[in-house]
C-alpha atoms as a PDB file:
ATOM      1  CA  MET A   1      89.670 197.417 -78.261  1.00  0.00           C
ATOM      2  CA  PHE A   2      87.204 197.181 -75.608  1.00  0.00           C
ATOM      3  CA  LEU A   3      86.070 200.788 -76.174  1.00  0.00           C
ATOM      4  CA  LYS A   4      85.687 199.780 -79.870  1.00  0.00           C
ATOM      5  CA  ARG A   5      83.582 196.958 -78.996  1.00  0.00           C
ATOM      6  CA  VAL A   6      81.405 198.788 -76.979  1.00  0.00           C
ATOM      7  CA  LEU A   7      80.776 201.584 -79.329  1.00  0.00           C
ATOM      8  CA  ARG A   8      79.741 198.866 -81.840  1.00  0.00           C
ATOM      9  CA  LEU A   9      76.406 198.441 -79.616  1.00  0.00           C
ATOM     10  CA  VAL A  10      75.729 202.127 -79.730  1.00  0.00           C
ATOM     11  CA  PRO A  11      74.045 202.324 -83.306  1.00  0.00           C
ATOM     12  CA  MET A  12      72.336 198.886 -82.611  1.00  0.00           C
ATOM     13  CA  ILE A  13      70.759 200.479 -79.058  1.00  0.00           C
ATOM     14  CA  LEU A  14      69.837 203.637 -80.813  1.00  0.00           C
ATOM     15  CA  LEU A  15      68.192 201.793 -83.948  1.00  0.00           C
ATOM     16  CA  SER A  16      66.457 199.451 -81.179  1.00  0.00           C
ATOM     17  CA  VAL A  17      65.035 201.974 -79.154  1.00  0.00           C
ATOM     18  CA  PHE A  18      63.282 203.697 -82.257  1.00  0.00           C
ATOM     19  CA  PHE A  19      62.342 200.478 -83.948  1.00  0.00           C
ATOM     20  CA  VAL A  20      61.338 198.673 -80.958  1.00  0.00           C
ATOM     21  CA  GLU A  21      58.160 196.947 -82.848  1.00  0.00           C
ATOM     22  CA  THR A  22      60.373 196.291 -85.964  1.00  0.00           C
ATOM     23  CA  VAL A  23      62.663 194.345 -83.834  1.00  0.00           C
ATOM     24  CA  GLN A  24      59.990 192.910 -81.160  1.00  0.00           C
ATOM     25  CA  ALA A  25      62.314 193.834 -78.518  1.00  0.00           C
ATOM     26  CA  ARG A  26      60.911 192.503 -74.803  1.00  0.00           C
ATOM     27  CA  ALA A  27      61.060 194.935 -72.220  1.00  0.00           C
ATOM     28  CA  CYS A  28      61.245 191.722 -69.662  1.00  0.00           C
ATOM     29  CA  LEU A  29      62.551 193.923 -66.681  1.00  0.00           C
ATOM     30  CA  THR A  30      59.760 196.643 -67.177  1.00  0.00           C
ATOM     31  CA  ASP A  31      57.052 194.056 -67.512  1.00  0.00           C
ATOM     32  CA  HIS A  32      58.306 192.516 -64.083  1.00  0.00           C
ATOM     33  CA  ILE A  33      58.205 195.753 -62.172  1.00  0.00           C
ATOM     34  CA  ARG A  34      55.011 196.896 -63.785  1.00  0.00           C
ATOM     35  CA  ASP A  35      53.472 193.539 -62.484  1.00  0.00           C
ATOM     36  CA  ALA A  36      54.935 193.755 -59.308  1.00  0.00           C
ATOM     37  CA  LEU A  37      53.132 197.197 -58.652  1.00  0.00           C
ATOM     38  CA  LYS A  38      50.028 196.304 -60.118  1.00  0.00           C
ATOM     39  CA  ILE A  39      50.055 193.082 -57.427  1.00  0.00           C
ATOM     40  CA  ASN A  40      51.133 195.120 -54.417  1.00  0.00           C
ATOM     41  CA  LYS A  41      48.462 197.927 -55.230  1.00  0.00           C
ATOM     42  CA  GLU A  42      45.633 195.466 -55.891  1.00  0.00           C
ATOM     43  CA  ARG A  43      46.602 193.675 -52.628  1.00  0.00           C
ATOM     44  CA  ALA A  44      47.303 196.486 -50.481  1.00  0.00           C
ATOM     45  CA  PRO A  45      43.601 197.211 -49.410  1.00  0.00           C
ATOM     46  CA  HIS A  46      42.877 193.520 -48.611  1.00  0.00           C
ATOM     47  CA  TYR A  47      46.100 193.817 -45.812  1.00  0.00           C
ATOM     48  CA  ALA A  48      44.777 196.975 -44.763  1.00  0.00           C
ATOM     49  CA  ARG A  49      41.542 195.379 -43.887  1.00  0.00           C
ATOM     50  CA  LEU A  50      42.679 192.240 -42.113  1.00  0.00           C
ATOM     51  CA  SER A  51      45.369 194.345 -40.315  1.00  0.00           C
ATOM     52  CA  GLN A  52      43.430 197.220 -39.076  1.00  0.00           C
ATOM     53  CA  GLY A  53      45.378 199.355 -41.334  1.00  0.00           C
ATOM     54  CA  ARG A  54      48.835 198.369 -39.620  1.00  0.00           C
ATOM     55  CA  SER A  55      50.062 197.085 -42.986  1.00  0.00           C
ATOM     56  CA  ALA A  56      49.984 200.649 -44.747  1.00  0.00           C
ATOM     57  CA  GLU A  57      53.516 201.587 -44.262  1.00  0.00           C
ATOM     58  CA  ILE A  58      54.884 197.826 -45.488  1.00  0.00           C
ATOM     59  CA  SER A  59      52.703 198.402 -48.635  1.00  0.00           C
ATOM     60  CA  LYS A  60      53.695 202.093 -49.069  1.00  0.00           C
ATOM     61  CA  ARG A  61      57.204 201.208 -49.286  1.00  0.00           C
ATOM     62  CA  LEU A  62      56.626 197.889 -51.198  1.00  0.00           C
ATOM     63  CA  ILE A  63      54.748 200.207 -53.820  1.00  0.00           C
ATOM     64  CA  SER A  64      57.233 203.225 -53.494  1.00  0.00           C
ATOM     65  CA  MET A  65      60.325 201.091 -54.187  1.00  0.00           C
ATOM     66  CA  GLU A  66      58.497 199.684 -57.451  1.00  0.00           C
ATOM     67  CA  ARG A  67      58.067 203.333 -59.076  1.00  0.00           C
ATOM     68  CA  LYS A  68      61.499 204.241 -58.171  1.00  0.00           C
ATOM     69  CA  LEU A  69      62.757 201.023 -59.973  1.00  0.00           C
ATOM     70  CA  SER A  70      59.863 201.667 -63.094  1.00  0.00           C
ATOM     71  CA  PHE A  71      61.721 204.934 -64.078  1.00  0.00           C
ATOM     72  CA  ILE A  72      65.051 203.445 -64.252  1.00  0.00           C
ATOM     73  CA  VAL A  73      64.420 200.061 -65.355  1.00  0.00           C
ATOM     74  CA  PRO A  74      63.312 200.954 -69.013  1.00  0.00           C
ATOM     75  CA  PHE A  75      66.951 202.016 -69.671  1.00  0.00           C
ATOM     76  CA  ALA A  76      68.380 198.266 -68.748  1.00  0.00           C
ATOM     77  CA  ASP A  77      65.607 196.896 -71.384  1.00  0.00           C
ATOM     78  CA  ALA A  78      66.917 199.501 -73.983  1.00  0.00           C
ATOM     79  CA  TRP A  79      70.528 198.184 -73.343  1.00  0.00           C
ATOM     80  CA  ALA A  80      69.417 194.538 -73.723  1.00  0.00           C
ATOM     81  CA  ILE A  81      67.851 194.778 -77.000  1.00  0.00           C
ATOM     82  CA  PRO A  82      71.040 194.675 -79.170  1.00  0.00           C
ATOM     83  CA  TYR A  83      71.725 191.207 -77.151  1.00  0.00           C
ATOM     84  CA  HIS A  84      68.330 189.818 -77.517  1.00  0.00           C
ATOM     85  CA  MET A  85      68.321 190.595 -81.269  1.00  0.00           C
ATOM     86  CA  ALA A  86      71.626 188.479 -80.984  1.00  0.00           C
ATOM     87  CA  GLY A  87      70.019 185.675 -78.971  1.00  0.00           C
ATOM     88  CA  VAL A  88      71.134 186.637 -75.832  1.00  0.00           C
ATOM     89  CA  ASN A  89      68.401 186.127 -73.682  1.00  0.00           C
ATOM     90  CA  ILE A  90      69.744 188.714 -70.913  1.00  0.00           C
ATOM     91  CA  LEU A  91      67.254 190.235 -68.143  1.00  0.00           C
ATOM     92  CA  CYS A  92      64.605 187.909 -69.581  1.00  0.00           C
ATOM     93  CA  ASP A  93      65.984 184.760 -68.529  1.00  0.00           C
ATOM     94  CA  ASP A  94      67.642 186.899 -65.250  1.00  0.00           C
ATOM     95  CA  PHE A  95      63.889 187.261 -63.798  1.00  0.00           C
ATOM     96  CA  ILE A  96      60.790 185.115 -62.871  1.00  0.00           C
ATOM     97  CA  ASP A  97      57.459 186.062 -64.433  1.00  0.00           C
ATOM     98  CA  MET A  98      55.349 187.740 -61.639  1.00  0.00           C
ATOM     99  CA  ALA A  99      52.606 185.333 -63.052  1.00  0.00           C
ATOM    100  CA  TYR A 100      54.250 182.598 -60.531  1.00  0.00           C
ATOM    101  CA  THR A 101      53.547 185.020 -57.448  1.00  0.00           C
ATOM    102  CA  PRO A 102      51.540 182.740 -54.870  1.00  0.00           C
ATOM    103  CA  LYS A 103      47.507 183.727 -55.002  1.00  0.00           C
ATOM    104  CA  PHE A 104      46.441 185.934 -51.967  1.00  0.00           C
ATOM    105  CA  ARG A 105      45.797 184.145 -48.813  1.00  0.00           C
ATOM    106  CA  SER A 106      44.379 186.137 -45.714  1.00  0.00           C
ATOM    107  CA  GLN A 107      46.152 183.630 -43.080  1.00  0.00           C
ATOM    108  CA  ASN A 108      49.400 181.606 -42.929  1.00  0.00           C
ATOM    109  CA  PRO A 109      48.352 177.721 -42.590  1.00  0.00           C
ATOM    110  CA  GLU A 110      50.595 177.214 -40.098  1.00  0.00           C
ATOM    111  CA  GLY A 111      48.919 179.808 -37.936  1.00  0.00           C
ATOM    112  CA  ALA A 112      50.435 182.437 -35.443  1.00  0.00           C
ATOM    113  CA  ASP A 113      54.059 182.059 -34.174  1.00  0.00           C
ATOM    114  CA  SER A 114      56.256 183.923 -31.493  1.00  0.00           C
ATOM    115  CA  ILE A 115      57.649 187.295 -32.723  1.00  0.00           C
ATOM    116  CA  LEU A 116      60.927 186.197 -31.055  1.00  0.00           C
ATOM    117  CA  ASN A 117      61.735 183.911 -33.797  1.00  0.00           C
ATOM    118  CA  PHE A 118      62.277 187.020 -35.995  1.00  0.00           C
ATOM    119  CA  ARG A 119      65.915 187.619 -36.738  1.00  0.00           C
ATOM    120  CA  ARG A 120      66.844 190.672 -38.521  1.00  0.00           C
ATOM    121  CA  PRO A 121      69.667 189.405 -40.709  1.00  0.00           C
ATOM    122  CA  ASN A 122      73.192 191.715 -40.782  1.00  0.00           C
ATOM    123  CA  VAL A 123      72.468 193.005 -43.829  1.00  0.00           C
ATOM    124  CA  GLU A 124      75.465 195.188 -43.725  1.00  0.00           C
ATOM    125  CA  THR A 125      78.005 192.415 -43.455  1.00  0.00           C
ATOM    126  CA  ILE A 126      76.042 190.525 -46.218  1.00  0.00           C
ATOM    127  CA  LYS A 127      76.272 193.491 -48.704  1.00  0.00           C
ATOM    128  CA  ALA A 128      80.042 193.964 -47.650  1.00  0.00           C
ATOM    129  CA  ARG A 129      80.989 190.347 -48.697  1.00  0.00           C
ATOM    130  CA  LEU A 130      78.501 190.556 -52.111  1.00  0.00           C
ATOM    131  CA  PHE A 131      80.474 193.695 -52.945  1.00  0.00           C
ATOM    132  CA  GLU A 132      83.976 192.062 -52.144  1.00  0.00           C
ATOM    133  CA  LEU A 133      83.075 188.949 -54.533  1.00  0.00           C
ATOM    134  CA  TYR A 134      81.308 191.397 -57.048  1.00  0.00           C
ATOM    135  CA  LYS A 135      84.292 193.483 -57.436  1.00  0.00           C
ATOM    136  CA  ALA A 136      86.518 190.116 -57.555  1.00  0.00           C
ATOM    137  CA  LYS A 137      84.305 189.362 -60.568  1.00  0.00           C
ATOM    138  CA  ASP A 138      83.530 185.956 -58.729  1.00  0.00           C
ATOM    139  CA  TYR A 139      80.383 185.291 -60.119  1.00  0.00           C
ATOM    140  CA  GLN A 140      79.901 181.682 -59.129  1.00  0.00           C
ATOM    141  CA  GLY A 141      81.461 182.564 -55.532  1.00  0.00           C
ATOM    142  CA  LEU A 142      78.693 185.435 -55.311  1.00  0.00           C
ATOM    143  CA  ALA A 143      75.708 183.098 -56.312  1.00  0.00           C
ATOM    144  CA  TYR A 144      77.101 180.520 -53.810  1.00  0.00           C
ATOM    145  CA  TYR A 145      77.052 183.067 -51.093  1.00  0.00           C
ATOM    146  CA  ALA A 146      73.787 184.246 -51.910  1.00  0.00           C
ATOM    147  CA  ASP A 147      72.458 181.142 -51.616  1.00  0.00           C
ATOM    148  CA  HIS A 148      73.893 180.360 -47.992  1.00  0.00           C
ATOM    149  CA  LYS A 149      72.245 183.141 -46.861  1.00  0.00           C
ATOM    150  CA  ILE A 150      69.266 182.128 -48.602  1.00  0.00           C
ATOM    151  CA  HIS A 151      69.252 178.693 -46.926  1.00  0.00           C
ATOM    152  CA  GLU A 152      70.010 180.549 -43.474  1.00  0.00           C
ATOM    153  CA  LEU A 153      67.031 182.686 -43.833  1.00  0.00           C
ATOM    154  CA  GLU A 154      64.765 179.650 -44.925  1.00  0.00           C
ATOM    155  CA  SER A 155      64.934 178.355 -41.574  1.00  0.00           C
ATOM    156  CA  VAL A 156      62.019 180.611 -40.248  1.00  0.00           C
ATOM    157  CA  PRO A 157      60.473 180.957 -43.440  1.00  0.00           C
ATOM    158  CA  ARG A 158      57.683 183.473 -42.784  1.00  0.00           C
ATOM    159  CA  TYR A 159      60.068 185.981 -41.762  1.00  0.00           C
ATOM    160  CA  ASN A 160      62.983 188.105 -44.076  1.00  0.00           C
ATOM    161  CA  CYS A 161      61.208 187.260 -47.519  1.00  0.00           C
ATOM    162  CA  MET A 162      61.860 190.216 -49.131  1.00  0.00           C
ATOM    163  CA  VAL A 163      65.630 190.137 -48.178  1.00  0.00           C
ATOM    164  CA  ARG A 164      65.680 186.538 -49.146  1.00  0.00           C
ATOM    165  CA  HIS A 165      63.515 187.346 -52.547  1.00  0.00           C
ATOM    166  CA  VAL A 166      66.610 189.921 -53.283  1.00  0.00           C
ATOM    167  CA  LEU A 167      69.127 187.106 -52.328  1.00  0.00           C
ATOM    168  CA  GLU A 168      67.516 184.715 -54.709  1.00  0.00           C
ATOM    169  CA  SER A 169      67.495 187.301 -57.611  1.00  0.00           C
ATOM    170  CA  ILE A 170      71.266 188.065 -56.899  1.00  0.00           C
ATOM    171  CA  ARG A 171      72.025 184.336 -56.778  1.00  0.00           C
ATOM    172  CA  ARG A 172      70.246 183.804 -60.681  1.00  0.00           C
ATOM    173  CA  MET A 173      71.715 186.894 -62.033  1.00  0.00           C
ATOM    174  CA  ALA A 174      75.604 185.725 -60.693  1.00  0.00           C
ATOM    175  CA  ALA A 175      74.824 182.596 -62.009  1.00  0.00           C
ATOM    176  CA  LEU A 176      73.597 183.591 -65.479  1.00  0.00           C
ATOM    177  CA  ALA A 177      76.053 186.643 -66.173  1.00  0.00           C
ATOM    178  CA  PRO A 178      79.235 184.313 -67.157  1.00  0.00           C
ATOM    179  CA  LEU A 179      76.644 182.331 -69.122  1.00  0.00           C
ATOM    180  CA  HIS A 180      75.091 185.478 -71.193  1.00  0.00           C
ATOM    181  CA  ASP A 181      78.855 186.865 -71.534  1.00  0.00           C
ATOM    182  CA  GLN A 182      80.052 183.700 -73.414  1.00  0.00           C
ATOM    183  CA  LYS A 183      77.026 183.946 -75.906  1.00  0.00           C
ATOM    184  CA  ALA A 184      77.145 187.626 -76.186  1.00  0.00           C
ATOM    185  CA  ARG A 185      81.244 187.575 -77.182  1.00  0.00           C
ATOM    186  CA  HIS A 186      80.331 184.617 -79.543  1.00  0.00           C
ATOM    187  CA  SER A 187      77.323 186.391 -81.541  1.00  0.00           C
ATOM    188  CA  LEU A 188      78.413 189.812 -80.784  1.00  0.00           C
ATOM    189  CA  GLY A 189      81.941 190.146 -80.247  1.00  0.00           C
ATOM    190  CA  VAL A 190      81.136 192.647 -77.476  1.00  0.00           C
ATOM    191  CA  SER A 191      80.992 191.388 -73.655  1.00  0.00           C
ATOM    192  CA  SER A 192      77.656 191.882 -71.807  1.00  0.00           C
ATOM    193  CA  LEU A 193      79.006 191.852 -68.355  1.00  0.00           C
ATOM    194  CA  PHE A 194      78.469 195.454 -67.718  1.00  0.00           C
ATOM    195  CA  LEU A 195      74.944 195.561 -68.313  1.00  0.00           C
ATOM    196  CA  SER A 196      74.550 192.160 -65.878  1.00  0.00           C
ATOM    197  CA  ARG A 197      77.041 193.807 -63.161  1.00  0.00           C
ATOM    198  CA  THR A 198      74.954 197.502 -63.283  1.00  0.00           C
ATOM    199  CA  VAL A 199      71.468 195.522 -62.310  1.00  0.00           C
ATOM    200  CA  LEU A 200      73.100 193.313 -60.311  1.00  0.00           C
ATOM    201  CA  ARG A 201      74.985 195.984 -58.381  1.00  0.00           C
ATOM    202  CA  SER A 202      71.335 197.701 -58.043  1.00  0.00           C
ATOM    203  CA  HIS A 203      69.922 194.669 -56.277  1.00  0.00           C
ATOM    204  CA  ILE A 204      72.855 194.615 -53.621  1.00  0.00           C
ATOM    205  CA  LEU A 205      72.125 198.181 -52.938  1.00  0.00           C
ATOM    206  CA  LEU A 206      68.042 196.990 -52.662  1.00  0.00           C
ATOM    207  CA  LEU A 207      68.881 195.197 -49.573  1.00  0.00           C
ATOM    208  CA  ASP A 208      68.957 197.843 -47.291  1.00  0.00           C
ATOM    209  CA  GLU A 209      64.965 198.952 -48.013  1.00  0.00           C
ATOM    210  CA  SER A 210      64.368 195.153 -48.206  1.00  0.00           C
ATOM    211  CA  THR A 211      65.489 194.599 -44.886  1.00  0.00           C
ATOM    212  CA  LEU A 212      63.224 197.657 -43.368  1.00  0.00           C
ATOM    213  CA  ILE A 213      60.585 196.382 -45.031  1.00  0.00           C
ATOM    214  CA  ASP A 214      61.138 192.816 -43.433  1.00  0.00           C
ATOM    215  CA  THR A 215      61.441 194.221 -39.974  1.00  0.00           C
ATOM    216  CA  LEU A 216      58.179 196.311 -40.520  1.00  0.00           C
ATOM    217  CA  ALA A 217      56.153 193.405 -41.804  1.00  0.00           C
ATOM    218  CA  ALA A 218      57.292 190.626 -39.086  1.00  0.00           C
ATOM    219  CA  PRO A 219      54.490 191.436 -36.238  1.00  0.00           C
ATOM    220  CA  LEU A 220      52.143 190.945 -38.853  1.00  0.00           C
ATOM    221  CA  GLN A 221      53.663 187.729 -40.335  1.00  0.00           C
ATOM    222  CA  SER A 222      54.231 186.564 -36.866  1.00  0.00           C
ATOM    223  CA  GLU A 223      49.992 186.963 -36.153  1.00  0.00           C
ATOM    224  CA  GLY A 224      49.650 184.750 -39.278  1.00  0.00           C
ATOM    225  CA  LEU A 225      49.285 187.420 -41.875  1.00  0.00           C
ATOM    226  CA  PRO A 226      51.600 186.265 -45.057  1.00  0.00           C
ATOM    227  CA  ILE A 227      52.269 189.732 -46.204  1.00  0.00           C
ATOM    228  CA  VAL A 228      55.359 190.112 -48.383  1.00  0.00           C
ATOM    229  CA  CYS A 229      56.102 186.397 -48.479  1.00  0.00           C
ATOM    230  CA  GLN A 230      53.071 185.582 -50.862  1.00  0.00           C
ATOM    231  CA  ASP A 231      53.646 188.606 -53.052  1.00  0.00           C
ATOM    232  CA  VAL A 232      56.933 187.798 -54.712  1.00  0.00           C
ATOM    233  CA  PRO A 233      57.404 184.488 -56.456  1.00  0.00           C
ATOM    234  CA  ALA A 234      60.351 182.084 -55.741  1.00  0.00           C
ATOM    235  CA  ILE A 235      63.151 182.533 -57.683  1.00  0.00           C
ATOM    236  CA  PRO A 236      65.551 179.058 -58.801  1.00  0.00           C
ATOM    237  CA  TRP A 237      68.581 178.900 -59.284  1.00  0.00           C
ATOM    238  CA  PRO A 238      69.049 178.856 -63.025  1.00  0.00           C
END
């Protein structure tokens, strides 16, 4: 029964890919990554100048991560087209427009801080718990656990900004997944959870690279350069 329902989407996906202009499909995830890449490319030389080149590796890793994602996300957007045609705003509601990214500032208004205040989160433990909830399909529990870790990181807001950003995204996607699914089942007679879970899982896996970026950025952030933190928009609970 489930396979039959999934197969119903196949011709719709193929039709949507070939007639994307006709159905006015929105490539929300592709646009999100493209805009993030643009912002980081534009800001990289400014950070390099302010840090005497010490920010280069951070910018390089951010841009590299986004470039890799840019090759993958069009498939997710194509997958989402039949849902969009049915009025299910999956992916588009899950991600915040990069237009809400804070404006560039050369200095944190709170000034410098001691690097001793930086604490690298135990990402392996966080990932293990997230995957446990993910496998149990406990989306509410997943959202609340991510929220709990976000609040822990917010106690020292200038550090761990990339991990916090990814956790905010996980929280939002987990909270929206069952809502998208309910609407998809009503409108299409087929679940949207496989798409939500695929994107959600990819974000959990991004935590490893994110914590490495945060660790590299911490010394500059302690000196007052708000790299990473001002390069991503805040992602609210839906």
